[in-house]
Amino acid sequence: MNPARALLVDDDPTILEVVGSLLSRHGHEVVGTGSGLRGAQFLRSEHFDLAVVDLMLPDLSGLELARQAVAKPDTVVVVLSGSTSVETALQAVKMGIYDYVPKPFRAEELEHTLLRAIEKSQLNQENKRLREQIHGQVPGPQMVGRSETWQNLQALLRRVAPSPSTVLITGPSGTGKELAAKAIHQWSPRASGPFVPIHCGAIPENLLEDELFGHVRGAYTDARTDRPGRFQQAEGGTLFLDEIGTMPMSLQVKLLRVIQEREFTPLGSTRTLKSDFRLLAATNEDLGSLVEQKRFREDLFYRLNVIPIQLHPLREHPQDIPVLVAHFARKFSKELGLPLKQVEPAALQALEAYGWPGNVRELENAVERAMALGSDPERLLLQDLPASIAGVLPSVAFPRLPQHQDLGRFLEDLERHLILESLQATGWNKSETARRLGMRRTTLLHRLRALGIPMDPMGEAESTLARES
């Protein structure tokens, strides 16, 4: 924990001395005053990570001072009170304070609360700094694509973002589930709060519980200090549980309670804490099948599956490949300090023809490799791609010219063959087919009519059956 600045406002000199010494011995700078008006002046002119405010002040309502402190974006507020009514305390909690500590208090408990408050303030500031860095380079989430599939996904994420509901994102590995979760967070009212991800399958069971719930000092042998868990870190923001299907059954029941109550108990503690976060989860497994196999709790599945979002493999929207390749080429040009390379047609053709079992992540890795190891300083060549990708250029099985067949009829059949092959490769997307064939869409539609090619695949199937019968 870095040194922080704390403002203490209490008209009791003993409280000022006790609370000040609790924070000073941890290396934090403390500014104390017994005047609410003076405290308000400090808030207007100086930065504080923490404000500790007594609700009973002689010259200004402590509730009003706490409201001013909460309004400061980087200040976490803890209020103290000895005789405040329950109604006033609830008002303070509702306005967004971090915690409420009644007097008289135990020094150890207050110290624990204040240190956690400072840690939260610093975590919020770090998240804000990182977001500003990202936003300074790219405005908003990097949602790259042009296909109808991708546009529908982006529209769905924008509709879901304002809701507080839990979202379950499913799809094969490498399809961008965490990117989708970040987009939901950045387009939500919680964008100013932290985005806290955790990969449930990458952490052993005993450590995963500690990561989620946190612990207090002495919870186990190596627990020398208090450590907040991800539930606590996600306060006011979004918690993203990646690969939730790998979570052990013993932890699933504990997670269910946290989802239901938004409260938890750190390891080794007897104190129940609350945390206001939005939950997003993701998996590349079929949770419904895991429920049938008794490997995933049915009640947890229904708690997670409030708003389901399905991401599709890259092979189902190949129209996005050229856009993604251009995006990754720009990205690695900056990261590797290389000039921006143009992708030669043969390389792009191979990239479009490949099946991409690893989806967008595999495509990104392939472009990075080609950018880093390519021999041409200006162009990304077919030979720069991995052999598994470069070797899948589609072979066109040209129809042969039978003996005595008219040349004009042969060329017409060849044109029809090439157009049909491109239509099938693009899922009968007319605009994409025209782009691949190097013609205008209006020209393509004219040729379809002239060659007797139906406008949709069902029409083609019917005409094929008619010819065969």
Protein backbone atom coordinates (compact mmCIF):
# COMPACT_ATOMS: atom_id res chain seq x y z
CA MET A 1 0.00 0.00 0.00
CA ASN A 2 1.36 3.39 -1.00
CA PRO A 3 1.40 6.35 1.45
CA ALA A 4 -1.96 8.13 1.39
CA ARG A 5 -3.39 11.48 2.52
CA ALA A 6 -6.23 11.39 5.04
CA LEU A 7 -8.51 14.16 6.28
CA LEU A 8 -9.87 13.74 9.84
CA VAL A 9 -12.78 15.96 10.95
CA ASP A 10 -13.94 15.51 14.56
CA ASP A 11 -14.49 18.05 17.34
CA ASP A 12 -13.09 15.62 19.94
CA PRO A 13 -9.28 16.18 20.23
CA THR A 14 -8.81 12.69 21.67
CA ILE A 15 -10.43 11.12 18.58
CA LEU A 16 -8.24 13.21 16.33
CA GLU A 17 -5.13 12.05 18.19
CA VAL A 18 -6.13 8.35 18.28
CA VAL A 19 -7.24 8.10 14.64
CA GLY A 20 -4.29 10.19 13.49
CA SER A 21 -1.79 7.92 15.23
CA LEU A 22 -3.47 4.79 13.78
CA LEU A 23 -2.84 6.07 10.26
CA SER A 24 0.52 7.79 10.86
CA ARG A 25 2.20 4.63 12.04
CA HIS A 26 1.42 3.09 8.63
CA GLY A 27 3.18 5.98 6.89
CA HIS A 28 0.07 7.91 5.85
CA GLU A 29 -0.11 11.72 5.96
CA VAL A 30 -2.89 13.02 8.21
CA VAL A 31 -4.61 16.43 8.22
CA GLY A 32 -6.90 16.93 11.23
CA THR A 33 -9.40 19.59 12.23
CA GLY A 34 -12.27 19.97 14.69
CA SER A 35 -14.20 22.29 12.37
CA GLY A 36 -16.59 21.10 9.68
CA LEU A 37 -16.23 24.38 7.79
CA ARG A 38 -12.44 24.05 7.86
CA GLY A 39 -12.77 20.45 6.67
CA ALA A 40 -14.89 21.63 3.72
CA GLN A 41 -12.16 24.15 2.82
CA PHE A 42 -9.55 21.39 2.86
CA LEU A 43 -11.72 19.26 0.56
CA ARG A 44 -12.10 22.09 -1.94
CA SER A 45 -8.41 22.93 -2.12
CA GLU A 46 -6.54 19.66 -1.56
CA HIS A 47 -6.59 16.00 -2.57
CA PHE A 48 -7.35 13.27 -0.02
CA ASP A 49 -7.50 9.52 -0.50
CA LEU A 50 -9.52 9.13 2.69
CA ALA A 51 -11.90 11.36 4.64
CA VAL A 52 -12.93 10.36 8.18
CA VAL A 53 -15.90 12.51 9.25
CA ASP A 54 -17.78 12.74 12.54
CA LEU A 55 -21.51 13.22 11.86
CA MET A 56 -21.93 15.46 14.94
CA LEU A 57 -19.99 18.67 14.26
CA PRO A 58 -20.58 22.08 15.91
CA ASP A 59 -20.47 24.40 12.88
CA LEU A 60 -21.53 22.27 9.88
CA SER A 61 -23.68 19.21 9.43
CA GLY A 62 -21.45 16.16 9.37
CA LEU A 63 -23.86 14.65 6.84
CA GLU A 64 -23.31 17.61 4.51
CA LEU A 65 -19.54 17.39 4.89
CA ALA A 66 -19.66 13.66 4.15
CA ARG A 67 -21.73 14.41 1.03
CA GLN A 68 -19.09 16.87 -0.16
CA ALA A 69 -16.36 14.31 0.47
CA VAL A 70 -18.24 11.57 -1.41
CA ALA A 71 -18.56 13.94 -4.38
CA LYS A 72 -14.75 13.98 -4.71
CA PRO A 73 -14.03 11.23 -7.30
CA ASP A 74 -10.88 9.84 -5.64
CA THR A 75 -11.88 10.16 -1.97
CA VAL A 76 -13.26 7.24 0.05
CA VAL A 77 -15.34 8.32 3.07
CA VAL A 78 -15.72 6.71 6.51
CA VAL A 79 -18.10 8.31 9.01
CA LEU A 80 -17.95 8.18 12.82
CA SER A 81 -20.86 8.81 15.15
CA GLY A 82 -21.71 8.41 18.79
CA SER A 83 -25.33 9.53 19.01
CA THR A 84 -26.65 9.79 15.48
CA SER A 85 -30.06 8.33 14.78
CA VAL A 86 -30.45 5.20 12.67
CA GLU A 87 -32.14 7.31 10.01
CA THR A 88 -29.14 9.64 9.71
CA ALA A 89 -26.76 6.69 9.53
CA LEU A 90 -28.82 5.17 6.72
CA GLN A 91 -28.73 8.48 4.87
CA ALA A 92 -24.94 8.44 5.07
CA VAL A 93 -24.77 4.88 3.75
CA LYS A 94 -27.14 5.63 0.87
CA MET A 95 -25.13 8.65 -0.28
CA GLY A 96 -22.16 6.36 -0.99
CA ILE A 97 -19.86 6.33 2.03
CA TYR A 98 -17.49 3.38 2.36
CA ASP A 99 -18.30 2.46 5.97
CA TYR A 100 -20.04 3.67 9.14
CA VAL A 101 -18.27 3.22 12.50
CA PRO A 102 -20.25 3.83 15.71
CA LYS A 103 -18.61 5.26 18.80
CA PRO A 104 -17.13 3.99 21.01
CA PHE A 105 -15.01 1.90 18.68
CA ARG A 106 -12.18 -0.58 19.14
CA ALA A 107 -8.94 0.81 17.78
CA GLU A 108 -8.06 -2.46 15.99
CA GLU A 109 -11.38 -2.59 14.16
CA LEU A 110 -11.23 1.06 13.14
CA GLU A 111 -7.65 0.65 11.93
CA HIS A 112 -8.70 -2.33 9.81
CA THR A 113 -11.59 -0.34 8.29
CA LEU A 114 -9.46 2.71 7.48
CA LEU A 115 -6.68 0.70 5.87
CA ARG A 116 -9.20 -1.13 3.69
CA ALA A 117 -10.73 2.20 2.72
CA ILE A 118 -7.33 3.54 1.65
CA GLU A 119 -6.65 0.38 -0.34
CA LYS A 120 -9.98 0.78 -2.13
CA SER A 121 -9.22 4.42 -2.93
CA GLN A 122 -5.83 3.55 -4.39
CA LEU A 123 -7.28 0.65 -6.39
CA ASN A 124 -9.95 2.96 -7.83
CA GLN A 125 -7.32 5.52 -8.79
CA GLU A 126 -5.13 2.90 -10.46
CA ASN A 127 -8.08 1.59 -12.47
CA LYS A 128 -8.94 5.15 -13.48
CA ARG A 129 -5.37 5.80 -14.59
CA LEU A 130 -5.28 2.64 -16.70
CA ARG A 131 -8.63 3.46 -18.29
CA GLU A 132 -7.43 6.95 -19.16
CA GLN A 133 -4.30 5.46 -20.73
CA ILE A 134 -6.41 3.10 -22.82
CA HIS A 135 -8.93 5.76 -23.77
CA GLY A 136 -6.09 8.05 -24.79
CA GLN A 137 -5.14 5.51 -27.46
CA VAL A 138 -8.47 4.04 -28.53
CA PRO A 139 -11.87 5.62 -27.79
CA GLY A 140 -14.04 2.98 -26.18
CA PRO A 141 -13.78 -0.80 -26.42
CA GLN A 142 -11.87 -2.15 -29.42
CA MET A 143 -14.85 -3.88 -31.02
CA VAL A 144 -13.48 -4.66 -34.48
CA GLY A 145 -15.62 -6.13 -37.24
CA ARG A 146 -18.06 -5.41 -40.05
CA SER A 147 -20.10 -8.60 -40.46
CA GLU A 148 -23.77 -8.77 -39.57
CA THR A 149 -22.88 -11.23 -36.79
CA TRP A 150 -20.45 -8.76 -35.22
CA GLN A 151 -22.78 -5.79 -35.61
CA ASN A 152 -25.61 -7.72 -33.93
CA LEU A 153 -23.28 -8.64 -31.06
CA GLN A 154 -22.18 -5.04 -30.56
CA ALA A 155 -25.81 -3.86 -30.54
CA LEU A 156 -26.69 -6.53 -27.97
CA LEU A 157 -23.78 -5.56 -25.69
CA ARG A 158 -24.91 -1.91 -25.77
CA ARG A 159 -28.48 -2.91 -24.86
CA VAL A 160 -27.29 -5.11 -22.00
CA ALA A 161 -24.75 -2.65 -20.57
CA PRO A 162 -27.11 -0.28 -18.67
CA SER A 163 -28.82 -3.17 -16.86
CA PRO A 164 -27.56 -4.38 -13.46
CA SER A 165 -28.42 -7.99 -14.39
CA THR A 166 -25.90 -10.84 -14.40
CA VAL A 167 -24.64 -11.82 -17.86
CA LEU A 168 -23.33 -15.24 -18.94
CA ILE A 169 -21.07 -15.03 -22.02
CA THR A 170 -20.48 -18.32 -23.83
CA GLY A 171 -18.44 -19.27 -26.86
CA PRO A 172 -15.32 -21.17 -27.95
CA SER A 173 -11.89 -20.20 -26.68
CA GLY A 174 -10.38 -17.19 -28.41
CA THR A 175 -13.67 -15.58 -29.49
CA GLY A 176 -13.23 -12.51 -27.28
CA LYS A 177 -15.37 -13.21 -24.21
CA GLU A 178 -13.30 -10.94 -21.96
CA LEU A 179 -13.39 -8.20 -24.60
CA ALA A 180 -17.19 -8.47 -24.64
CA ALA A 181 -17.25 -8.26 -20.83
CA LYS A 182 -15.05 -5.15 -20.89
CA ALA A 183 -17.34 -3.57 -23.47
CA ILE A 184 -20.36 -4.15 -21.22
CA HIS A 185 -18.47 -2.59 -18.31
CA GLN A 186 -17.24 0.44 -20.28
CA TRP A 187 -20.70 1.13 -21.70
CA SER A 188 -22.39 0.72 -18.30
CA PRO A 189 -23.09 3.23 -15.50
CA ARG A 190 -20.28 1.47 -13.59
CA ALA A 191 -17.59 2.48 -16.10
CA SER A 192 -15.93 4.76 -13.52
CA GLY A 193 -15.58 1.80 -11.13
CA PRO A 194 -13.06 -1.03 -11.36
CA PHE A 195 -13.22 -3.94 -13.81
CA VAL A 196 -11.92 -6.94 -11.84
CA PRO A 197 -11.29 -10.13 -13.84
CA ILE A 198 -10.30 -13.55 -12.50
CA HIS A 199 -9.68 -16.77 -14.46
CA CYS A 200 -11.30 -19.51 -12.37
CA GLY A 201 -9.46 -22.33 -14.15
CA ALA A 202 -5.97 -20.88 -13.75
CA ILE A 203 -5.90 -20.86 -9.94
CA PRO A 204 -5.87 -23.93 -7.60
CA GLU A 205 -9.01 -24.42 -5.51
CA ASN A 206 -7.56 -23.32 -2.15
CA LEU A 207 -5.99 -20.21 -3.67
CA LEU A 208 -9.10 -19.40 -5.69
CA GLU A 209 -11.18 -19.08 -2.51
CA ASP A 210 -8.56 -16.73 -1.04
CA GLU A 211 -8.48 -14.70 -4.27
CA LEU A 212 -12.25 -14.26 -4.23
CA PHE A 213 -12.96 -13.77 -0.52
CA GLY A 214 -9.68 -12.31 0.72
CA HIS A 215 -8.37 -12.94 4.23
CA VAL A 216 -7.51 -11.24 7.49
CA ARG A 217 -4.15 -11.33 9.21
CA GLY A 218 -3.57 -14.70 10.88
CA ALA A 219 -6.15 -16.57 8.78
CA TYR A 220 -3.39 -19.07 7.98
CA THR A 221 0.37 -19.37 8.46
CA ASP A 222 1.46 -17.03 5.66
CA ALA A 223 -1.35 -14.49 6.16
CA ARG A 224 0.79 -11.74 7.70
CA THR A 225 -1.47 -8.86 6.63
CA ASP A 226 -5.08 -8.33 5.67
CA ARG A 227 -5.71 -8.87 1.98
CA PRO A 228 -8.94 -7.86 0.20
CA GLY A 229 -10.40 -10.38 -2.24
CA ARG A 230 -11.86 -9.81 -5.68
CA PHE A 231 -15.39 -9.41 -4.29
CA GLN A 232 -14.20 -6.45 -2.23
CA GLN A 233 -12.00 -5.03 -4.99
CA ALA A 234 -14.97 -4.97 -7.38
CA GLU A 235 -17.00 -2.63 -5.12
CA GLY A 236 -18.80 -0.11 -7.33
CA GLY A 237 -17.65 -1.82 -10.52
CA THR A 238 -17.78 -5.13 -12.38
CA LEU A 239 -16.52 -8.59 -11.38
CA PHE A 240 -15.72 -10.87 -14.34
CA LEU A 241 -15.45 -14.61 -13.61
CA ASP A 242 -13.80 -16.17 -16.65
CA GLU A 243 -14.15 -19.92 -17.31
CA ILE A 244 -16.72 -20.25 -14.54
CA GLY A 245 -17.35 -23.87 -15.60
CA THR A 246 -14.04 -24.91 -14.04
CA MET A 247 -14.96 -23.64 -10.56
CA PRO A 248 -14.92 -26.48 -7.97
CA MET A 249 -18.31 -27.57 -6.61
CA SER A 250 -17.24 -26.65 -3.07
CA LEU A 251 -16.82 -23.02 -4.11
CA GLN A 252 -19.95 -22.90 -6.25
CA VAL A 253 -22.25 -22.99 -3.22
CA LYS A 254 -20.29 -20.16 -1.58
CA LEU A 255 -20.44 -18.11 -4.78
CA LEU A 256 -24.19 -18.64 -4.94
CA ARG A 257 -24.63 -16.97 -1.55
CA VAL A 258 -22.48 -14.01 -2.57
CA ILE A 259 -24.55 -13.55 -5.74
CA GLN A 260 -27.80 -13.71 -3.78
CA GLU A 261 -26.82 -11.50 -0.84
CA ARG A 262 -23.88 -9.46 -2.20
CA GLU A 263 -22.13 -10.18 1.10
CA PHE A 264 -19.20 -12.39 2.09
CA THR A 265 -16.85 -13.20 4.94
CA PRO A 266 -13.06 -13.03 4.37
CA LEU A 267 -11.07 -16.11 5.38
CA GLY A 268 -10.26 -16.08 9.09
CA SER A 269 -12.77 -13.32 9.84
CA THR A 270 -16.08 -13.33 11.67
CA ARG A 271 -17.21 -10.07 10.09
CA THR A 272 -19.57 -10.12 7.12
CA LEU A 273 -18.78 -7.52 4.45
CA LYS A 274 -20.98 -6.20 1.67
CA SER A 275 -19.91 -5.34 -1.85
CA ASP A 276 -21.92 -3.70 -4.61
CA PHE A 277 -20.67 -5.14 -7.89
CA ARG A 278 -22.14 -6.34 -11.17
CA LEU A 279 -21.33 -9.93 -12.05
CA LEU A 280 -20.33 -11.09 -15.53
CA ALA A 281 -19.30 -14.70 -16.15
CA ALA A 282 -17.93 -16.54 -19.16
CA THR A 283 -17.31 -20.13 -20.21
CA ASN A 284 -16.36 -22.15 -23.27
CA GLU A 285 -18.21 -25.17 -21.86
CA ASP A 286 -21.88 -26.13 -22.05
CA LEU A 287 -23.02 -25.43 -18.48
CA GLY A 288 -26.31 -27.17 -19.16
CA SER A 289 -24.44 -30.41 -19.88
CA LEU A 290 -22.27 -29.90 -16.80
CA VAL A 291 -25.45 -29.58 -14.73
CA GLU A 292 -26.71 -32.90 -16.13
CA GLN A 293 -23.33 -34.48 -15.28
CA LYS A 294 -23.59 -33.13 -11.71
CA ARG A 295 -20.42 -31.09 -12.25
CA PHE A 296 -22.13 -27.71 -11.95
CA ARG A 297 -24.86 -26.61 -9.57
CA GLU A 298 -28.22 -26.12 -11.24
CA ASP A 299 -29.22 -23.24 -8.94
CA LEU A 300 -25.96 -21.42 -9.69
CA PHE A 301 -26.45 -21.96 -13.42
CA TYR A 302 -29.84 -20.23 -13.31
CA ARG A 303 -28.42 -17.40 -11.20
CA LEU A 304 -25.71 -16.81 -13.82
CA ASN A 305 -27.79 -17.34 -16.94
CA VAL A 306 -30.01 -14.26 -16.50
CA ILE A 307 -28.87 -12.65 -19.77
CA PRO A 308 -27.08 -15.17 -22.03
CA ILE A 309 -24.79 -13.92 -24.81
CA GLN A 310 -23.36 -16.36 -27.35
CA LEU A 311 -20.14 -15.55 -29.24
CA HIS A 312 -19.64 -17.33 -32.55
CA PRO A 313 -16.41 -18.88 -33.90
CA LEU A 314 -14.49 -16.84 -36.44
CA ARG A 315 -15.21 -19.32 -39.24
CA GLU A 316 -18.89 -18.31 -39.03
CA HIS A 317 -18.17 -14.66 -39.81
CA PRO A 318 -15.13 -14.68 -42.15
CA GLN A 319 -16.12 -11.22 -43.45
CA ASP A 320 -14.43 -9.85 -40.32
CA ILE A 321 -11.04 -11.38 -41.11
CA PRO A 322 -9.74 -8.55 -43.38
CA VAL A 323 -10.78 -5.92 -40.81
CA LEU A 324 -9.20 -7.86 -37.95
CA VAL A 325 -5.98 -8.42 -39.92
CA ALA A 326 -5.69 -4.69 -40.64
CA HIS A 327 -6.38 -3.90 -36.96
CA PHE A 328 -3.73 -6.32 -35.70
CA ALA A 329 -1.22 -5.12 -38.29
CA ARG A 330 -1.61 -1.55 -36.98
CA LYS A 331 -1.42 -2.76 -33.38
CA PHE A 332 1.82 -4.72 -33.81
CA SER A 333 3.34 -2.06 -36.02
CA LYS A 334 3.19 0.25 -32.98
CA GLU A 335 4.16 -2.36 -30.39
CA LEU A 336 7.11 -3.76 -32.36
CA GLY A 337 8.30 -0.40 -33.70
CA LEU A 338 7.89 -1.51 -37.32
CA PRO A 339 6.50 0.31 -40.35
CA LEU A 340 2.89 -0.54 -41.13
CA LYS A 341 2.83 -3.39 -43.63
CA GLN A 342 0.28 -3.91 -46.38
CA VAL A 343 -1.09 -7.45 -46.59
CA GLU A 344 -0.50 -8.96 -50.03
CA PRO A 345 -3.60 -10.49 -51.70
CA ALA A 346 -2.26 -14.07 -51.54
CA ALA A 347 -1.64 -13.78 -47.79
CA LEU A 348 -5.11 -12.33 -47.18
CA GLN A 349 -6.65 -15.07 -49.32
CA ALA A 350 -4.94 -17.71 -47.18
CA LEU A 351 -6.06 -16.01 -43.98
CA GLU A 352 -9.65 -15.96 -45.23
CA ALA A 353 -9.55 -19.60 -46.31
CA TYR A 354 -8.16 -20.98 -43.03
CA GLY A 355 -10.63 -22.49 -40.52
CA TRP A 356 -9.26 -20.73 -37.38
CA PRO A 357 -9.88 -23.34 -34.66
CA GLY A 358 -8.29 -20.89 -32.21
CA ASN A 359 -10.55 -18.08 -33.44
CA VAL A 360 -9.59 -14.40 -33.12
CA ARG A 361 -6.79 -15.12 -30.64
CA GLU A 362 -5.11 -17.47 -33.16
CA LEU A 363 -5.50 -14.86 -35.90
CA GLU A 364 -3.90 -12.23 -33.68
CA ASN A 365 -0.95 -14.52 -32.94
CA ALA A 366 -0.51 -15.31 -36.64
CA VAL A 367 -0.39 -11.64 -37.60
CA GLU A 368 2.05 -10.84 -34.77
CA ARG A 369 4.36 -13.66 -35.94
CA ALA A 370 4.19 -12.48 -39.55
CA MET A 371 4.88 -8.88 -38.56
CA ALA A 372 7.82 -9.81 -36.34
CA LEU A 373 9.50 -12.36 -38.62
CA GLY A 374 8.52 -11.11 -42.08
CA SER A 375 11.36 -10.43 -44.52
CA ASP A 376 9.68 -7.63 -46.49
CA PRO A 377 9.67 -4.27 -44.64
CA GLU A 378 6.60 -3.01 -46.49
CA ARG A 379 4.41 -6.05 -47.11
CA LEU A 380 3.08 -8.99 -45.14
CA LEU A 381 3.68 -11.95 -47.46
CA LEU A 382 2.13 -15.39 -47.76
CA GLN A 383 5.47 -16.97 -46.83
CA ASP A 384 5.47 -15.02 -43.54
CA LEU A 385 2.43 -16.92 -42.29
CA PRO A 386 2.63 -20.24 -40.40
CA ALA A 387 2.79 -23.22 -42.78
CA SER A 388 -0.55 -24.53 -41.49
CA ILE A 389 -2.21 -21.33 -42.70
CA ALA A 390 -0.17 -20.59 -45.83
CA GLY A 391 -0.86 -24.10 -47.16
CA VAL A 392 -4.64 -23.84 -47.27
CA LEU A 393 -5.13 -21.58 -50.28
CA PRO A 394 -8.38 -22.73 -51.86
CA SER A 395 -7.95 -24.73 -55.01
CA VAL A 396 -10.42 -23.94 -57.76
CA ALA A 397 -11.58 -27.06 -59.61
CA PHE A 398 -12.13 -25.55 -63.05
CA PRO A 399 -14.54 -27.43 -65.24
CA ARG A 400 -12.79 -29.01 -68.24
CA LEU A 401 -13.72 -28.15 -71.83
CA PRO A 402 -15.29 -31.30 -73.31
CA GLN A 403 -14.51 -32.15 -76.90
CA HIS A 404 -16.68 -30.23 -79.39
CA GLN A 405 -18.18 -27.93 -76.61
CA ASP A 406 -18.79 -24.33 -77.61
CA LEU A 407 -16.16 -21.98 -76.06
CA GLY A 408 -18.80 -19.38 -75.14
CA ARG A 409 -20.82 -21.99 -73.23
CA PHE A 410 -17.66 -23.19 -71.48
CA LEU A 411 -16.79 -19.65 -70.30
CA GLU A 412 -20.35 -19.13 -69.08
CA ASP A 413 -20.18 -22.36 -67.07
CA LEU A 414 -16.82 -21.31 -65.66
CA GLU A 415 -18.20 -17.91 -64.62
CA ARG A 416 -21.19 -19.58 -62.98
CA HIS A 417 -18.87 -22.00 -61.14
CA LEU A 418 -16.68 -19.18 -59.76
CA ILE A 419 -19.65 -17.08 -58.65
CA LEU A 420 -21.30 -20.04 -56.90
CA GLU A 421 -18.03 -20.92 -55.15
CA SER A 422 -17.68 -17.37 -53.85
CA LEU A 423 -21.33 -17.23 -52.76
CA GLN A 424 -20.91 -20.42 -50.75
CA ALA A 425 -17.66 -19.18 -49.19
CA THR A 426 -19.35 -15.97 -47.98
CA GLY A 427 -22.59 -17.55 -46.83
CA TRP A 428 -24.42 -15.99 -49.83
CA ASN A 429 -23.48 -12.48 -48.78
CA LYS A 430 -23.82 -10.57 -52.08
CA SER A 431 -21.71 -7.57 -51.08
CA GLU A 432 -18.83 -9.73 -49.81
CA THR A 433 -19.03 -11.96 -52.90
CA ALA A 434 -18.82 -8.93 -55.18
CA ARG A 435 -15.78 -7.69 -53.26
CA ARG A 436 -14.04 -11.06 -53.61
CA LEU A 437 -14.75 -11.18 -57.35
CA GLY A 438 -13.63 -7.59 -57.89
CA MET A 439 -16.93 -6.28 -59.21
CA ARG A 440 -19.75 -3.98 -58.11
CA ARG A 441 -22.69 -5.47 -56.28
CA THR A 442 -25.06 -4.28 -59.03
CA THR A 443 -22.87 -6.04 -61.60
CA LEU A 444 -22.99 -9.25 -59.56
CA LEU A 445 -26.78 -9.12 -59.31
CA HIS A 446 -26.98 -8.60 -63.08
CA ARG A 447 -24.75 -11.64 -63.69
CA LEU A 448 -26.80 -13.77 -61.27
CA ARG A 449 -29.92 -13.04 -63.28
CA ALA A 450 -28.15 -13.57 -66.61
CA LEU A 451 -26.71 -16.92 -65.52
CA GLY A 452 -29.93 -18.10 -63.90
CA ILE A 453 -28.40 -18.28 -60.41
CA PRO A 454 -31.01 -17.91 -57.61
CA MET A 455 -30.63 -15.07 -55.13
CA ASP A 456 -30.54 -17.36 -52.07
CA PRO A 457 -29.06 -20.79 -51.24
CA MET A 458 -32.51 -22.47 -50.91
CA GLY A 459 -33.34 -21.38 -54.42
CA GLU A 460 -30.06 -22.89 -55.60
CA ALA A 461 -30.84 -26.16 -53.82
CA GLU A 462 -34.28 -26.31 -55.45
CA SER A 463 -32.87 -25.62 -58.91
CA THR A 464 -30.18 -28.29 -58.39
CA LEU A 465 -32.86 -30.85 -57.43
CA ALA A 466 -34.88 -29.86 -60.48
CA ARG A 467 -31.88 -30.43 -62.75
CA GLU A 468 -31.15 -33.80 -61.13
CA SER A 469 -34.75 -35.00 -61.49
